Amino acid sequence: MSGEKVVASSGASSGSVDVVKGINGLDKVVLRDPRGSSAEVYLYGAHVTSWKNDHGEEMLFVSNKAIFKPPKPIRGGIPICFPQFSNLGPLEAHGFARIRLWNIDNNPPPLQTNTSSKTFVDLILKPSEEDARVWPHSYEYRLRVSLGPSGELSLTSRVRNTNADGKPFSFTFAYHTYFSVSDISEVRVEGLETLDYLDNLQGRARFTEQGDALTFESEVDKIFLSSPSKIAILDHEKKRTFVVRKEGLPDAVVWNPWDKKAKAISDFGDEEYKYMLCVEAAAIEKPIALKPGEEWRGRLELSAVPSSYCSGQLDPQKVLHGI
């Protein structure tokens, strides 16, 4: 498959989409936009491991200790948690989609989008016998990964219930996005103030976030409920703001393991917690239920804008509310 062109690529003017060999010989799809931005997606897990802006700066965090070897999940990037988030159910933590080999779907059903991106790849996952033993349902999961004209990265998931026995199924879900940050103590998250959240560090007890933006001084693992469609992550040192836009994903997870937990994670460097933050678009509190023939769609769009919040050049409210 090395060097293979993918059908989604339609000429140099619309960017390029190539399949090449990645780490340990695993196949990955490389998306390149004519303006210089790029993304990489491993077929193993449909896992986005790189998203670079037009200056070649990496926006996602991947651990130096990440294991690119099935059946281990890849630490960092954007793991897909399906059909179960964390340990909220009988399956292995975060489900099986992130440790399965996906296929390129060269003939997907039409996907209505509000972007004109022609730099994209469509991947598909169908149940294996192994999966059916632990999650006995028939489904089709289609994922489109695309680069937009301004360097934005979009992931659009479509899950369809194809059960022939008439049975519905339900699932929980997250795009477990690891953002690269300069220093976690210099980062703040806007858009989740005053929301209710479940604290995973306190047995998922329910609390209400206080009125200020989120800042980080210790381990954080929160599931924010009924969160807005737009969240901003301000990195003062890099003078950059990530904007997370989401559709069909009412919840948002914020996670940083901090020092003690970082040391306990085998595929994570002891000091790496300082340089990453997970802000995840998710559907957790209310599982998504599908009857046979029904389809769910969940979309994540990531963009990065230059900012200097300290000098007042960027008003986060403008980012969040489009004022």
C-alpha atoms as a PDB file:
ATOM      1  CA  MET A   1       0.000   0.000   0.000  1.00  0.00           C
ATOM      2  CA  SER A   2       2.984   2.276   0.379  1.00  0.00           C
ATOM      3  CA  GLY A   3       2.626   5.399  -1.727  1.00  0.00           C
ATOM      4  CA  GLU A   4      -0.875   4.505  -2.865  1.00  0.00           C
ATOM      5  CA  LYS A   5      -3.140   7.346  -3.930  1.00  0.00           C
ATOM      6  CA  VAL A   6      -6.558   7.498  -2.333  1.00  0.00           C
ATOM      7  CA  VAL A   7      -9.673   8.259  -4.375  1.00  0.00           C
ATOM      8  CA  ALA A   8     -10.413  11.338  -2.255  1.00  0.00           C
ATOM      9  CA  SER A   9      -7.460  13.147  -3.775  1.00  0.00           C
ATOM     10  CA  SER A  10      -8.513  15.098  -6.854  1.00  0.00           C
ATOM     11  CA  GLY A  11      -5.561  16.994  -8.221  1.00  0.00           C
ATOM     12  CA  ALA A  12      -2.746  19.069  -6.781  1.00  0.00           C
ATOM     13  CA  SER A  13      -4.849  22.196  -6.407  1.00  0.00           C
ATOM     14  CA  SER A  14      -7.038  20.480  -3.836  1.00  0.00           C
ATOM     15  CA  GLY A  15      -4.179  19.050  -1.800  1.00  0.00           C
ATOM     16  CA  SER A  16      -2.994  15.469  -1.629  1.00  0.00           C
ATOM     17  CA  VAL A  17      -4.014  12.285   0.144  1.00  0.00           C
ATOM     18  CA  ASP A  18      -1.462   9.451   0.235  1.00  0.00           C
ATOM     19  CA  VAL A  19      -1.104   6.130   2.010  1.00  0.00           C
ATOM     20  CA  VAL A  20       2.416   5.496   3.281  1.00  0.00           C
ATOM     21  CA  LYS A  21       4.146   3.323   5.867  1.00  0.00           C
ATOM     22  CA  GLY A  22       4.268   4.794   9.348  1.00  0.00           C
ATOM     23  CA  ILE A  23       5.929   3.648  12.574  1.00  0.00           C
ATOM     24  CA  ASN A  24       6.509  -0.118  12.784  1.00  0.00           C
ATOM     25  CA  GLY A  25       5.258  -0.488   9.213  1.00  0.00           C
ATOM     26  CA  LEU A  26       1.686   0.480  10.079  1.00  0.00           C
ATOM     27  CA  ASP A  27      -0.211   2.112   7.200  1.00  0.00           C
ATOM     28  CA  LYS A  28      -1.075   5.767   7.613  1.00  0.00           C
ATOM     29  CA  VAL A  29      -2.871   8.315   5.456  1.00  0.00           C
ATOM     30  CA  VAL A  30      -1.139  11.680   4.989  1.00  0.00           C
ATOM     31  CA  LEU A  31      -3.357  14.656   4.129  1.00  0.00           C
ATOM     32  CA  ARG A  32      -1.713  17.812   2.799  1.00  0.00           C
ATOM     33  CA  ASP A  33      -3.459  21.080   2.034  1.00  0.00           C
ATOM     34  CA  PRO A  34      -1.994  23.348  -0.691  1.00  0.00           C
ATOM     35  CA  ARG A  35      -1.496  26.114   1.880  1.00  0.00           C
ATOM     36  CA  GLY A  36       0.829  23.917   3.931  1.00  0.00           C
ATOM     37  CA  SER A  37      -1.231  22.352   6.716  1.00  0.00           C
ATOM     38  CA  SER A  38      -1.190  18.578   7.116  1.00  0.00           C
ATOM     39  CA  ALA A  39      -2.631  15.674   9.090  1.00  0.00           C
ATOM     40  CA  GLU A  40      -1.758  12.006   9.536  1.00  0.00           C
ATOM     41  CA  VAL A  41      -4.215   9.197  10.265  1.00  0.00           C
ATOM     42  CA  TYR A  42      -3.206   5.631  11.071  1.00  0.00           C
ATOM     43  CA  LEU A  43      -5.550   2.938   9.753  1.00  0.00           C
ATOM     44  CA  TYR A  44      -4.899   1.233  13.075  1.00  0.00           C
ATOM     45  CA  GLY A  45      -7.591   2.818  15.227  1.00  0.00           C
ATOM     46  CA  ALA A  46      -8.495   5.436  12.566  1.00  0.00           C
ATOM     47  CA  HIS A  47      -6.146   7.363  14.812  1.00  0.00           C
ATOM     48  CA  VAL A  48      -5.133  10.937  13.949  1.00  0.00           C
ATOM     49  CA  THR A  49      -1.542  11.294  15.193  1.00  0.00           C
ATOM     50  CA  SER A  50      -0.521  14.601  13.635  1.00  0.00           C
ATOM     51  CA  TRP A  51      -2.103  17.936  12.735  1.00  0.00           C
ATOM     52  CA  LYS A  52       0.252  20.688  11.644  1.00  0.00           C
ATOM     53  CA  ASN A  53      -0.491  24.281  10.691  1.00  0.00           C
ATOM     54  CA  ASP A  54       0.856  25.962   7.569  1.00  0.00           C
ATOM     55  CA  HIS A  55       4.094  26.780   9.450  1.00  0.00           C
ATOM     56  CA  GLY A  56       4.654  23.089  10.158  1.00  0.00           C
ATOM     57  CA  GLU A  57       3.937  23.445  13.888  1.00  0.00           C
ATOM     58  CA  GLU A  58       2.497  20.326  15.507  1.00  0.00           C
ATOM     59  CA  MET A  59      -0.839  20.971  17.243  1.00  0.00           C
ATOM     60  CA  LEU A  60      -1.414  17.535  18.758  1.00  0.00           C
ATOM     61  CA  PHE A  61       0.506  15.814  21.531  1.00  0.00           C
ATOM     62  CA  VAL A  62       1.762  12.255  21.065  1.00  0.00           C
ATOM     63  CA  SER A  63       3.828  10.732  23.852  1.00  0.00           C
ATOM     64  CA  ASN A  64       7.466   9.928  23.156  1.00  0.00           C
ATOM     65  CA  LYS A  65       6.662   6.584  24.778  1.00  0.00           C
ATOM     66  CA  ALA A  66       3.612   5.876  22.592  1.00  0.00           C
ATOM     67  CA  ILE A  67       3.457   2.235  21.470  1.00  0.00           C
ATOM     68  CA  PHE A  68       2.607   1.883  17.786  1.00  0.00           C
ATOM     69  CA  LYS A  69       2.058  -1.839  18.081  1.00  0.00           C
ATOM     70  CA  PRO A  70      -1.296  -3.651  18.079  1.00  0.00           C
ATOM     71  CA  PRO A  71      -3.109  -4.456  20.279  1.00  0.00           C
ATOM     72  CA  LYS A  72      -1.908  -1.473  22.349  1.00  0.00           C
ATOM     73  CA  PRO A  73      -3.700   1.853  21.792  1.00  0.00           C
ATOM     74  CA  ILE A  74      -1.601   4.819  20.663  1.00  0.00           C
ATOM     75  CA  ARG A  75      -0.979   7.341  23.452  1.00  0.00           C
ATOM     76  CA  GLY A  76      -1.836  10.805  22.164  1.00  0.00           C
ATOM     77  CA  GLY A  77      -3.310  12.343  19.032  1.00  0.00           C
ATOM     78  CA  ILE A  78      -7.063  11.701  18.720  1.00  0.00           C
ATOM     79  CA  PRO A  79      -8.084   8.227  19.902  1.00  0.00           C
ATOM     80  CA  ILE A  80     -11.706   7.312  19.160  1.00  0.00           C
ATOM     81  CA  CYS A  81     -13.597   5.947  22.165  1.00  0.00           C
ATOM     82  CA  PHE A  82     -16.345   3.665  20.807  1.00  0.00           C
ATOM     83  CA  PRO A  83     -18.674   1.982  21.683  1.00  0.00           C
ATOM     84  CA  GLN A  84     -17.791   2.774  25.279  1.00  0.00           C
ATOM     85  CA  PHE A  85     -16.175   5.723  27.008  1.00  0.00           C
ATOM     86  CA  SER A  86     -13.733   4.828  29.794  1.00  0.00           C
ATOM     87  CA  ASN A  87     -14.990   1.997  32.010  1.00  0.00           C
ATOM     88  CA  LEU A  88     -18.662   2.998  31.782  1.00  0.00           C
ATOM     89  CA  GLY A  89     -19.789  -0.471  30.750  1.00  0.00           C
ATOM     90  CA  PRO A  90     -18.677  -4.086  30.327  1.00  0.00           C
ATOM     91  CA  LEU A  91     -16.085  -3.534  27.574  1.00  0.00           C
ATOM     92  CA  GLU A  92     -12.384  -2.779  27.872  1.00  0.00           C
ATOM     93  CA  ALA A  93     -11.726   0.865  28.713  1.00  0.00           C
ATOM     94  CA  HIS A  94     -12.642   3.203  25.836  1.00  0.00           C
ATOM     95  CA  GLY A  95     -14.018   0.367  23.711  1.00  0.00           C
ATOM     96  CA  PHE A  96     -12.411  -1.386  20.764  1.00  0.00           C
ATOM     97  CA  ALA A  97     -12.528   1.043  17.803  1.00  0.00           C
ATOM     98  CA  ARG A  98      -9.143   2.558  18.695  1.00  0.00           C
ATOM     99  CA  ILE A  99      -7.403  -0.839  18.546  1.00  0.00           C
ATOM    100  CA  ARG A 100      -8.956  -2.184  15.335  1.00  0.00           C
ATOM    101  CA  LEU A 101      -7.640  -1.973  11.801  1.00  0.00           C
ATOM    102  CA  TRP A 102      -9.949   0.247   9.739  1.00  0.00           C
ATOM    103  CA  ASN A 103     -10.299   0.194   5.954  1.00  0.00           C
ATOM    104  CA  ILE A 104     -10.281   3.066   3.485  1.00  0.00           C
ATOM    105  CA  ASP A 105     -13.818   3.537   2.141  1.00  0.00           C
ATOM    106  CA  ASN A 106     -13.484   4.693  -1.460  1.00  0.00           C
ATOM    107  CA  ASN A 107     -17.217   4.739  -2.094  1.00  0.00           C
ATOM    108  CA  PRO A 108     -18.956   6.155   0.987  1.00  0.00           C
ATOM    109  CA  PRO A 109     -22.530   7.421   0.982  1.00  0.00           C
ATOM    110  CA  PRO A 110     -22.733  11.190   0.435  1.00  0.00           C
ATOM    111  CA  LEU A 111     -21.824  13.361   3.397  1.00  0.00           C
ATOM    112  CA  GLN A 112     -23.376  16.811   3.527  1.00  0.00           C
ATOM    113  CA  THR A 113     -20.833  19.232   4.968  1.00  0.00           C
ATOM    114  CA  ASN A 114     -20.665  22.984   5.218  1.00  0.00           C
ATOM    115  CA  THR A 115     -17.045  23.082   4.065  1.00  0.00           C
ATOM    116  CA  SER A 116     -15.603  22.851   0.592  1.00  0.00           C
ATOM    117  CA  SER A 117     -12.619  20.745   1.671  1.00  0.00           C
ATOM    118  CA  LYS A 118     -11.393  18.331  -0.963  1.00  0.00           C
ATOM    119  CA  THR A 119      -8.503  17.064   1.150  1.00  0.00           C
ATOM    120  CA  PHE A 120     -10.049  14.198   3.076  1.00  0.00           C
ATOM    121  CA  VAL A 121     -10.140  10.458   3.564  1.00  0.00           C
ATOM    122  CA  ASP A 122     -13.067   8.200   4.447  1.00  0.00           C
ATOM    123  CA  LEU A 123     -12.463   5.204   6.709  1.00  0.00           C
ATOM    124  CA  ILE A 124     -14.841   2.420   7.713  1.00  0.00           C
ATOM    125  CA  LEU A 125     -15.066  -0.087  10.551  1.00  0.00           C
ATOM    126  CA  LYS A 126     -17.392  -3.085  10.623  1.00  0.00           C
ATOM    127  CA  PRO A 127     -17.775  -5.616  13.431  1.00  0.00           C
ATOM    128  CA  SER A 128     -15.358  -8.498  13.699  1.00  0.00           C
ATOM    129  CA  GLU A 129     -16.212 -11.866  15.220  1.00  0.00           C
ATOM    130  CA  GLU A 130     -14.079 -10.900  18.192  1.00  0.00           C
ATOM    131  CA  ASP A 131     -16.067  -7.679  18.721  1.00  0.00           C
ATOM    132  CA  ALA A 132     -19.405  -9.443  18.267  1.00  0.00           C
ATOM    133  CA  ARG A 133     -18.626 -11.687  21.211  1.00  0.00           C
ATOM    134  CA  VAL A 134     -18.314  -8.718  23.581  1.00  0.00           C
ATOM    135  CA  TRP A 135     -20.707  -6.310  21.830  1.00  0.00           C
ATOM    136  CA  PRO A 136     -23.204  -8.412  19.830  1.00  0.00           C
ATOM    137  CA  HIS A 137     -24.408  -5.817  17.338  1.00  0.00           C
ATOM    138  CA  SER A 138     -24.077  -5.194  13.629  1.00  0.00           C
ATOM    139  CA  TYR A 139     -23.010  -1.677  12.697  1.00  0.00           C
ATOM    140  CA  GLU A 140     -21.152   0.436  10.181  1.00  0.00           C
ATOM    141  CA  TYR A 141     -18.916   3.178  11.508  1.00  0.00           C
ATOM    142  CA  ARG A 142     -17.722   5.675   8.913  1.00  0.00           C
ATOM    143  CA  LEU A 143     -15.181   8.356   9.728  1.00  0.00           C
ATOM    144  CA  ARG A 144     -14.199  11.241   7.481  1.00  0.00           C
ATOM    145  CA  VAL A 145     -11.000  13.110   8.364  1.00  0.00           C
ATOM    146  CA  SER A 146     -10.577  16.348   6.428  1.00  0.00           C
ATOM    147  CA  LEU A 147      -8.345  19.397   6.268  1.00  0.00           C
ATOM    148  CA  GLY A 148     -10.129  22.667   5.615  1.00  0.00           C
ATOM    149  CA  PRO A 149      -8.945  25.656   3.564  1.00  0.00           C
ATOM    150  CA  SER A 150      -7.798  27.497   6.689  1.00  0.00           C
ATOM    151  CA  GLY A 151      -5.961  24.495   8.113  1.00  0.00           C
ATOM    152  CA  GLU A 152      -8.814  23.354  10.339  1.00  0.00           C
ATOM    153  CA  LEU A 153      -9.060  19.634  11.073  1.00  0.00           C
ATOM    154  CA  SER A 154     -12.488  17.959  11.004  1.00  0.00           C
ATOM    155  CA  LEU A 155     -13.528  14.466  12.081  1.00  0.00           C
ATOM    156  CA  THR A 156     -17.054  13.404  11.160  1.00  0.00           C
ATOM    157  CA  SER A 157     -18.327  10.092  12.528  1.00  0.00           C
ATOM    158  CA  ARG A 158     -21.377   8.278  11.237  1.00  0.00           C
ATOM    159  CA  VAL A 159     -22.558   5.191  13.092  1.00  0.00           C
ATOM    160  CA  ARG A 160     -25.411   3.151  11.624  1.00  0.00           C
ATOM    161  CA  ASN A 161     -27.305   0.298  13.257  1.00  0.00           C
ATOM    162  CA  THR A 162     -27.350  -2.561  10.727  1.00  0.00           C
ATOM    163  CA  ASN A 163     -28.780  -5.197  13.080  1.00  0.00           C
ATOM    164  CA  ALA A 164     -30.942  -7.656  11.115  1.00  0.00           C
ATOM    165  CA  ASP A 165     -32.692  -8.892  14.267  1.00  0.00           C
ATOM    166  CA  GLY A 166     -34.554  -5.616  14.892  1.00  0.00           C
ATOM    167  CA  LYS A 167     -32.609  -4.837  18.055  1.00  0.00           C
ATOM    168  CA  PRO A 168     -31.588  -1.317  18.994  1.00  0.00           C
ATOM    169  CA  PHE A 169     -28.192  -0.610  20.526  1.00  0.00           C
ATOM    170  CA  SER A 170     -26.655   2.249  22.475  1.00  0.00           C
ATOM    171  CA  PHE A 171     -23.123   3.501  22.981  1.00  0.00           C
ATOM    172  CA  THR A 172     -21.044   6.202  24.599  1.00  0.00           C
ATOM    173  CA  PHE A 173     -18.386   8.053  22.653  1.00  0.00           C
ATOM    174  CA  ALA A 174     -15.494  10.525  22.741  1.00  0.00           C
ATOM    175  CA  TYR A 175     -12.893  12.066  20.469  1.00  0.00           C
ATOM    176  CA  HIS A 176     -10.102  11.820  23.065  1.00  0.00           C
ATOM    177  CA  THR A 177      -8.096  14.781  21.703  1.00  0.00           C
ATOM    178  CA  TYR A 178      -4.613  15.466  23.138  1.00  0.00           C
ATOM    179  CA  PHE A 179      -3.604  19.072  22.436  1.00  0.00           C
ATOM    180  CA  SER A 180       0.043  20.144  22.465  1.00  0.00           C
ATOM    181  CA  VAL A 181       0.584  23.057  24.865  1.00  0.00           C
ATOM    182  CA  SER A 182       3.645  25.052  25.902  1.00  0.00           C
ATOM    183  CA  ASP A 183       3.139  24.642  29.645  1.00  0.00           C
ATOM    184  CA  ILE A 184      -0.037  23.373  31.308  1.00  0.00           C
ATOM    185  CA  SER A 185       0.264  26.068  34.003  1.00  0.00           C
ATOM    186  CA  GLU A 186       0.002  28.730  31.259  1.00  0.00           C
ATOM    187  CA  VAL A 187      -3.211  27.338  29.756  1.00  0.00           C
ATOM    188  CA  ARG A 188      -6.839  28.235  30.384  1.00  0.00           C
ATOM    189  CA  VAL A 189     -10.036  26.779  28.984  1.00  0.00           C
ATOM    190  CA  GLU A 190     -12.983  29.061  28.267  1.00  0.00           C
ATOM    191  CA  GLY A 191     -16.585  28.055  27.641  1.00  0.00           C
ATOM    192  CA  LEU A 192     -17.164  25.516  30.441  1.00  0.00           C
ATOM    193  CA  GLU A 193     -17.700  27.970  33.307  1.00  0.00           C
ATOM    194  CA  THR A 194     -20.774  27.454  35.525  1.00  0.00           C
ATOM    195  CA  LEU A 195     -21.545  24.040  33.961  1.00  0.00           C
ATOM    196  CA  ASP A 196     -22.314  20.872  35.883  1.00  0.00           C
ATOM    197  CA  TYR A 197     -19.647  18.194  35.684  1.00  0.00           C
ATOM    198  CA  LEU A 198     -18.947  14.676  36.909  1.00  0.00           C
ATOM    199  CA  ASP A 199     -15.618  14.424  38.705  1.00  0.00           C
ATOM    200  CA  ASN A 200     -13.868  11.170  37.828  1.00  0.00           C
ATOM    201  CA  LEU A 201     -11.457  11.758  40.724  1.00  0.00           C
ATOM    202  CA  GLN A 202     -14.367  11.665  43.166  1.00  0.00           C
ATOM    203  CA  GLY A 203     -16.381   8.675  41.982  1.00  0.00           C
ATOM    204  CA  ARG A 204     -18.129  10.717  39.285  1.00  0.00           C
ATOM    205  CA  ALA A 205     -19.841  12.885  41.894  1.00  0.00           C
ATOM    206  CA  ARG A 206     -21.661  15.838  40.357  1.00  0.00           C
ATOM    207  CA  PHE A 207     -20.475  19.403  40.934  1.00  0.00           C
ATOM    208  CA  THR A 208     -20.903  22.828  39.339  1.00  0.00           C
ATOM    209  CA  GLU A 209     -17.857  24.574  37.881  1.00  0.00           C
ATOM    210  CA  GLN A 210     -17.180  27.989  39.335  1.00  0.00           C
ATOM    211  CA  GLY A 211     -17.459  31.151  37.278  1.00  0.00           C
ATOM    212  CA  ASP A 212     -13.849  31.485  36.172  1.00  0.00           C
ATOM    213  CA  ALA A 213     -12.099  29.845  33.234  1.00  0.00           C
ATOM    214  CA  LEU A 214     -10.433  26.506  33.915  1.00  0.00           C
ATOM    215  CA  THR A 215      -6.765  26.694  34.887  1.00  0.00           C
ATOM    216  CA  PHE A 216      -4.513  23.808  35.917  1.00  0.00           C
ATOM    217  CA  GLU A 217      -2.569  23.274  39.137  1.00  0.00           C
ATOM    218  CA  SER A 218      -3.192  19.566  39.775  1.00  0.00           C
ATOM    219  CA  GLU A 219      -4.754  16.454  38.242  1.00  0.00           C
ATOM    220  CA  VAL A 220      -8.044  17.125  36.432  1.00  0.00           C
ATOM    221  CA  ASP A 221     -10.520  14.549  35.088  1.00  0.00           C
ATOM    222  CA  LYS A 222     -13.969  16.057  34.563  1.00  0.00           C
ATOM    223  CA  ILE A 223     -16.941  15.276  32.329  1.00  0.00           C
ATOM    224  CA  PHE A 224     -18.789  18.534  31.614  1.00  0.00           C
ATOM    225  CA  LEU A 225     -22.474  17.991  30.839  1.00  0.00           C
ATOM    226  CA  SER A 226     -24.569  19.789  28.227  1.00  0.00           C
ATOM    227  CA  SER A 227     -21.561  21.826  27.152  1.00  0.00           C
ATOM    228  CA  PRO A 228     -21.631  24.502  24.422  1.00  0.00           C
ATOM    229  CA  SER A 229     -20.805  23.739  20.798  1.00  0.00           C
ATOM    230  CA  LYS A 230     -17.634  25.847  21.040  1.00  0.00           C
ATOM    231  CA  ILE A 231     -14.769  25.692  23.573  1.00  0.00           C
ATOM    232  CA  ALA A 232     -11.547  27.752  23.548  1.00  0.00           C
ATOM    233  CA  ILE A 233      -8.139  26.618  24.859  1.00  0.00           C
ATOM    234  CA  LEU A 234      -5.855  29.608  25.379  1.00  0.00           C
ATOM    235  CA  ASP A 235      -2.093  28.981  25.446  1.00  0.00           C
ATOM    236  CA  HIS A 236      -0.542  32.230  26.683  1.00  0.00           C
ATOM    237  CA  GLU A 237       3.079  31.256  26.045  1.00  0.00           C
ATOM    238  CA  LYS A 238       2.537  30.111  22.458  1.00  0.00           C
ATOM    239  CA  LYS A 239       0.118  33.000  21.862  1.00  0.00           C
ATOM    240  CA  ARG A 240      -2.259  30.497  20.322  1.00  0.00           C
ATOM    241  CA  THR A 241      -5.871  29.602  20.937  1.00  0.00           C
ATOM    242  CA  PHE A 242      -7.390  26.289  19.925  1.00  0.00           C
ATOM    243  CA  VAL A 243     -11.083  26.437  19.099  1.00  0.00           C
ATOM    244  CA  VAL A 244     -13.034  23.203  19.515  1.00  0.00           C
ATOM    245  CA  ARG A 245     -16.362  23.062  17.676  1.00  0.00           C
ATOM    246  CA  LYS A 246     -18.635  20.060  18.078  1.00  0.00           C
ATOM    247  CA  GLU A 247     -21.965  18.758  16.803  1.00  0.00           C
ATOM    248  CA  GLY A 248     -23.957  15.823  18.132  1.00  0.00           C
ATOM    249  CA  LEU A 249     -21.647  15.625  21.154  1.00  0.00           C
ATOM    250  CA  PRO A 250     -23.224  17.283  24.179  1.00  0.00           C
ATOM    251  CA  ASP A 251     -20.505  16.548  26.726  1.00  0.00           C
ATOM    252  CA  ALA A 252     -16.858  17.586  27.063  1.00  0.00           C
ATOM    253  CA  VAL A 253     -14.075  15.857  28.984  1.00  0.00           C
ATOM    254  CA  VAL A 254     -11.082  17.752  30.359  1.00  0.00           C
ATOM    255  CA  TRP A 255      -8.125  15.641  31.487  1.00  0.00           C
ATOM    256  CA  ASN A 256      -4.547  16.079  32.609  1.00  0.00           C
ATOM    257  CA  PRO A 257      -2.933  13.304  34.683  1.00  0.00           C
ATOM    258  CA  TRP A 258      -0.417  15.582  36.485  1.00  0.00           C
ATOM    259  CA  ASP A 259       2.816  14.273  37.982  1.00  0.00           C
ATOM    260  CA  LYS A 260       1.883  11.234  40.090  1.00  0.00           C
ATOM    261  CA  LYS A 261      -0.424   9.634  37.554  1.00  0.00           C
ATOM    262  CA  ALA A 262       1.976  10.456  34.700  1.00  0.00           C
ATOM    263  CA  LYS A 263       4.643   8.363  36.452  1.00  0.00           C
ATOM    264  CA  ALA A 264       2.176   5.472  36.753  1.00  0.00           C
ATOM    265  CA  ILE A 265       1.301   5.399  33.020  1.00  0.00           C
ATOM    266  CA  SER A 266       3.788   3.126  31.266  1.00  0.00           C
ATOM    267  CA  ASP A 267       3.438   4.668  27.787  1.00  0.00           C
ATOM    268  CA  PHE A 268       3.635   8.270  29.019  1.00  0.00           C
ATOM    269  CA  GLY A 269       6.732  10.260  30.021  1.00  0.00           C
ATOM    270  CA  ASP A 270       7.051  11.398  33.633  1.00  0.00           C
ATOM    271  CA  GLU A 271       7.182  15.090  32.672  1.00  0.00           C
ATOM    272  CA  GLU A 272       4.933  14.997  29.594  1.00  0.00           C
ATOM    273  CA  TYR A 273       1.827  16.078  31.498  1.00  0.00           C
ATOM    274  CA  LYS A 274       3.241  19.621  31.335  1.00  0.00           C
ATOM    275  CA  TYR A 275       2.971  19.703  27.547  1.00  0.00           C
ATOM    276  CA  MET A 276      -0.497  18.271  26.904  1.00  0.00           C
ATOM    277  CA  LEU A 277      -4.149  18.789  27.681  1.00  0.00           C
ATOM    278  CA  CYS A 278      -7.068  16.613  26.674  1.00  0.00           C
ATOM    279  CA  VAL A 279     -10.282  18.435  25.813  1.00  0.00           C
ATOM    280  CA  GLU A 280     -12.660  15.870  24.375  1.00  0.00           C
ATOM    281  CA  ALA A 281     -15.943  16.219  22.512  1.00  0.00           C
ATOM    282  CA  ALA A 282     -18.106  13.409  23.880  1.00  0.00           C
ATOM    283  CA  ALA A 283     -21.496  11.797  24.427  1.00  0.00           C
ATOM    284  CA  ILE A 284     -21.353  10.154  27.838  1.00  0.00           C
ATOM    285  CA  GLU A 285     -24.139  11.090  30.261  1.00  0.00           C
ATOM    286  CA  LYS A 286     -26.926  10.024  27.889  1.00  0.00           C
ATOM    287  CA  PRO A 287     -25.843   7.101  25.661  1.00  0.00           C
ATOM    288  CA  ILE A 288     -26.709   7.410  21.979  1.00  0.00           C
ATOM    289  CA  ALA A 289     -29.469   4.931  21.096  1.00  0.00           C
ATOM    290  CA  LEU A 290     -30.047   3.724  17.542  1.00  0.00           C
ATOM    291  CA  LYS A 291     -32.803   1.545  16.153  1.00  0.00           C
ATOM    292  CA  PRO A 292     -32.011  -0.632  13.097  1.00  0.00           C
ATOM    293  CA  GLY A 293     -31.456   1.607  10.086  1.00  0.00           C
ATOM    294  CA  GLU A 294     -30.889   4.721  12.178  1.00  0.00           C
ATOM    295  CA  GLU A 295     -27.663   6.698  11.919  1.00  0.00           C
ATOM    296  CA  TRP A 296     -25.922   9.006  14.377  1.00  0.00           C
ATOM    297  CA  ARG A 297     -23.520  11.715  13.316  1.00  0.00           C
ATOM    298  CA  GLY A 298     -20.970  13.419  15.534  1.00  0.00           C
ATOM    299  CA  ARG A 299     -18.575  16.038  14.269  1.00  0.00           C
ATOM    300  CA  LEU A 300     -15.464  17.656  15.696  1.00  0.00           C
ATOM    301  CA  GLU A 301     -13.691  20.627  14.131  1.00  0.00           C
ATOM    302  CA  LEU A 302     -10.402  21.923  15.473  1.00  0.00           C
ATOM    303  CA  SER A 303      -8.859  25.223  14.492  1.00  0.00           C
ATOM    304  CA  ALA A 304      -6.023  27.334  15.860  1.00  0.00           C
ATOM    305  CA  VAL A 305      -5.882  31.114  15.845  1.00  0.00           C
ATOM    306  CA  PRO A 306      -2.995  33.382  16.854  1.00  0.00           C
ATOM    307  CA  SER A 307      -3.749  35.186  20.076  1.00  0.00           C
ATOM    308  CA  SER A 308      -2.183  37.230  22.799  1.00  0.00           C
ATOM    309  CA  TYR A 309      -4.789  37.134  25.501  1.00  0.00           C
ATOM    310  CA  CYS A 310      -2.564  38.903  28.043  1.00  0.00           C
ATOM    311  CA  SER A 311      -2.248  41.962  25.833  1.00  0.00           C
ATOM    312  CA  GLY A 312      -5.944  41.938  25.101  1.00  0.00           C
ATOM    313  CA  GLN A 313      -5.621  41.274  21.375  1.00  0.00           C
ATOM    314  CA  LEU A 314      -7.974  38.335  21.613  1.00  0.00           C
ATOM    315  CA  ASP A 315     -11.217  38.484  23.490  1.00  0.00           C
ATOM    316  CA  PRO A 316     -12.126  34.853  24.201  1.00  0.00           C
ATOM    317  CA  GLN A 317     -15.784  35.788  24.173  1.00  0.00           C
ATOM    318  CA  LYS A 318     -15.411  36.727  20.516  1.00  0.00           C
ATOM    319  CA  VAL A 319     -13.919  33.319  19.797  1.00  0.00           C
ATOM    320  CA  LEU A 320     -16.614  31.509  21.735  1.00  0.00           C
ATOM    321  CA  HIS A 321     -19.629  33.457  20.585  1.00  0.00           C
ATOM    322  CA  GLY A 322     -18.515  34.796  17.213  1.00  0.00           C
ATOM    323  CA  ILE A 323     -19.180  38.378  18.330  1.00  0.00           C
END
